[in-house]
Protein backbone atom coordinates (compact mmCIF):
# COMPACT_ATOMS: atom_id res chain seq x y z
CA MET A 1 -4.37 21.29 54.68
CA PRO A 2 -4.71 21.52 50.94
CA THR A 3 -5.46 24.43 48.67
CA VAL A 4 -6.78 24.07 45.11
CA ILE A 5 -5.39 26.26 42.31
CA GLY A 6 -7.16 26.36 39.01
CA PRO A 7 -8.68 25.37 36.82
CA THR A 8 -5.39 24.94 34.99
CA ALA A 9 -6.92 23.26 31.93
CA LEU A 10 -10.40 22.89 30.49
CA ARG A 11 -11.90 20.58 27.92
CA SER A 12 -15.44 20.84 26.63
CA ARG A 13 -17.44 17.63 26.34
CA GLY A 14 -20.61 17.52 24.30
CA GLY A 15 -23.66 16.98 26.55
CA LEU A 16 -21.50 16.73 29.67
CA PRO A 17 -20.05 19.29 32.07
CA ASP A 18 -16.62 20.64 31.09
CA LEU A 19 -13.70 18.56 32.23
CA THR A 20 -11.25 20.64 34.33
CA ALA A 21 -7.84 20.11 35.91
CA GLN A 22 -6.67 21.73 39.12
CA MET A 23 -3.40 21.79 41.10
CA VAL A 24 -3.58 20.74 44.72
CA ARG A 25 -0.89 22.12 47.03
CA THR A 26 -0.26 22.04 50.78
CA ALA A 27 -1.35 25.38 52.28
CA LYS A 28 -0.93 24.62 55.97
CA SER A 29 1.31 22.04 57.62
CA LEU A 30 0.84 21.17 61.29
CA SER A 31 3.12 18.84 63.27
CA ARG A 32 3.24 17.47 66.80
CA GLU A 33 6.26 16.01 68.55
CA ALA A 34 6.62 14.47 72.00
CA VAL A 35 9.23 16.37 74.07
CA SER A 36 10.24 16.33 77.75
CA TYR A 37 7.70 19.07 78.69
CA GLY A 38 4.75 17.63 76.74
CA ARG A 39 4.06 18.12 73.06
CA ARG A 40 5.64 20.60 70.67
CA ARG A 41 3.27 21.88 67.97
CA THR A 42 4.59 23.66 64.94
CA GLU A 43 2.87 25.29 61.98
CA THR A 44 3.86 26.37 58.48
CA ASP A 45 1.66 28.30 56.01
CA THR A 46 2.45 28.43 52.28
CA PHE A 47 0.97 30.89 49.76
CA TYR A 48 1.13 30.19 46.04
CA ASN A 49 0.96 32.14 42.79
CA ARG A 50 -2.66 31.58 41.79
CA THR A 51 -2.57 33.41 38.40
CA PRO A 52 -3.54 30.96 35.67
CA GLY A 53 -1.37 30.86 32.57
CA GLU A 54 1.80 32.18 34.25
CA PRO A 55 4.87 29.91 34.23
CA THR A 56 5.05 30.26 38.02
CA ALA A 57 1.40 29.34 38.65
CA GLY A 58 1.27 26.94 41.59
CA MET A 59 4.75 27.80 42.85
CA PRO A 60 5.24 29.05 46.42
CA ILE A 61 5.70 32.81 46.71
CA GLN A 62 5.61 33.07 50.52
CA VAL A 63 6.25 30.58 53.33
CA ASP A 64 5.44 31.52 56.94
CA ASP A 65 7.23 29.26 59.42
CA ARG A 66 5.36 29.95 62.64
CA GLY A 67 7.58 27.60 64.61
CA GLU A 68 6.38 26.38 67.98
CA THR A 69 2.94 27.96 68.28
CA ALA A 70 2.64 27.67 72.09
CA ASP A 71 5.96 29.43 72.79
CA SER A 72 5.26 33.10 73.64
CA ASP A 73 8.86 34.06 72.71
CA ASN A 74 8.56 32.44 69.30
CA VAL A 75 9.20 34.74 66.33
CA ALA A 76 7.70 33.46 63.10
CA LYS A 77 9.91 33.57 59.99
CA CYS A 78 8.58 34.56 56.61
CA THR A 79 10.39 33.64 53.36
CA TYR A 80 9.45 35.30 50.06
CA ASN A 81 10.35 33.57 46.79
CA ARG A 82 10.94 35.34 43.51
CA TYR A 83 11.43 33.49 40.23
CA LEU A 84 13.35 34.12 37.03
CA THR A 85 11.05 33.39 34.10
CA GLY A 86 11.15 33.73 30.38
CA SER A 87 8.65 32.38 27.87
CA THR A 88 6.37 29.52 28.86
CA GLN A 89 8.75 27.06 27.22
CA THR A 90 11.72 27.96 29.45
CA LEU A 91 12.74 26.57 32.81
CA VAL A 92 11.53 28.57 35.83
CA LEU A 93 14.25 29.07 38.42
CA PRO A 94 14.16 30.54 41.93
CA VAL A 95 16.16 33.76 41.80
CA ARG A 96 15.79 35.14 45.30
CA ARG A 97 14.67 33.87 48.68
CA SER A 98 14.22 36.59 51.30
CA PRO A 99 13.82 35.30 54.86
CA GLN A 100 12.40 38.02 57.15
CA PRO A 101 10.87 38.21 60.62
CA ARG A 102 7.11 37.94 60.32
CA THR A 103 5.35 41.29 60.15
CA ALA A 104 1.79 42.44 59.62
CA ARG A 105 2.09 42.27 55.81
CA GLN A 106 -0.79 40.86 53.89
CA PRO A 107 -0.27 37.08 53.39
CA GLY A 108 0.71 36.07 49.90
CA ARG A 109 2.10 39.51 48.98
CA LEU A 110 5.73 40.01 48.06
CA PRO A 111 7.59 42.83 49.80
CA ALA A 112 8.86 45.71 47.64
CA ALA A 113 11.98 44.83 45.63
CA HIS A 114 15.27 46.11 46.98
């Protein structure tokens, strides 16, 4: 399922509505797979930096791998991404990925730095 981030750019056009650009990213991924006991269904949710003008806009900051959703023993895994940034002309690099068991944190929020 997609999510739209933006507008990321805007151009005025005389007598017409403004022309805008948006980023489209995958917010939720669902999969099904045939297995010996029926079908395995898995789910992944991705949250993005939605702040316009930042070098990391549109980049994933949290990924929740919910695994097999029908399995009552399943423990979802949550990965937080932090990025090393400089000016807008520099390359943006992932600096830290923090996989953690899923907790009741607010989706899309980074945990406190350690």
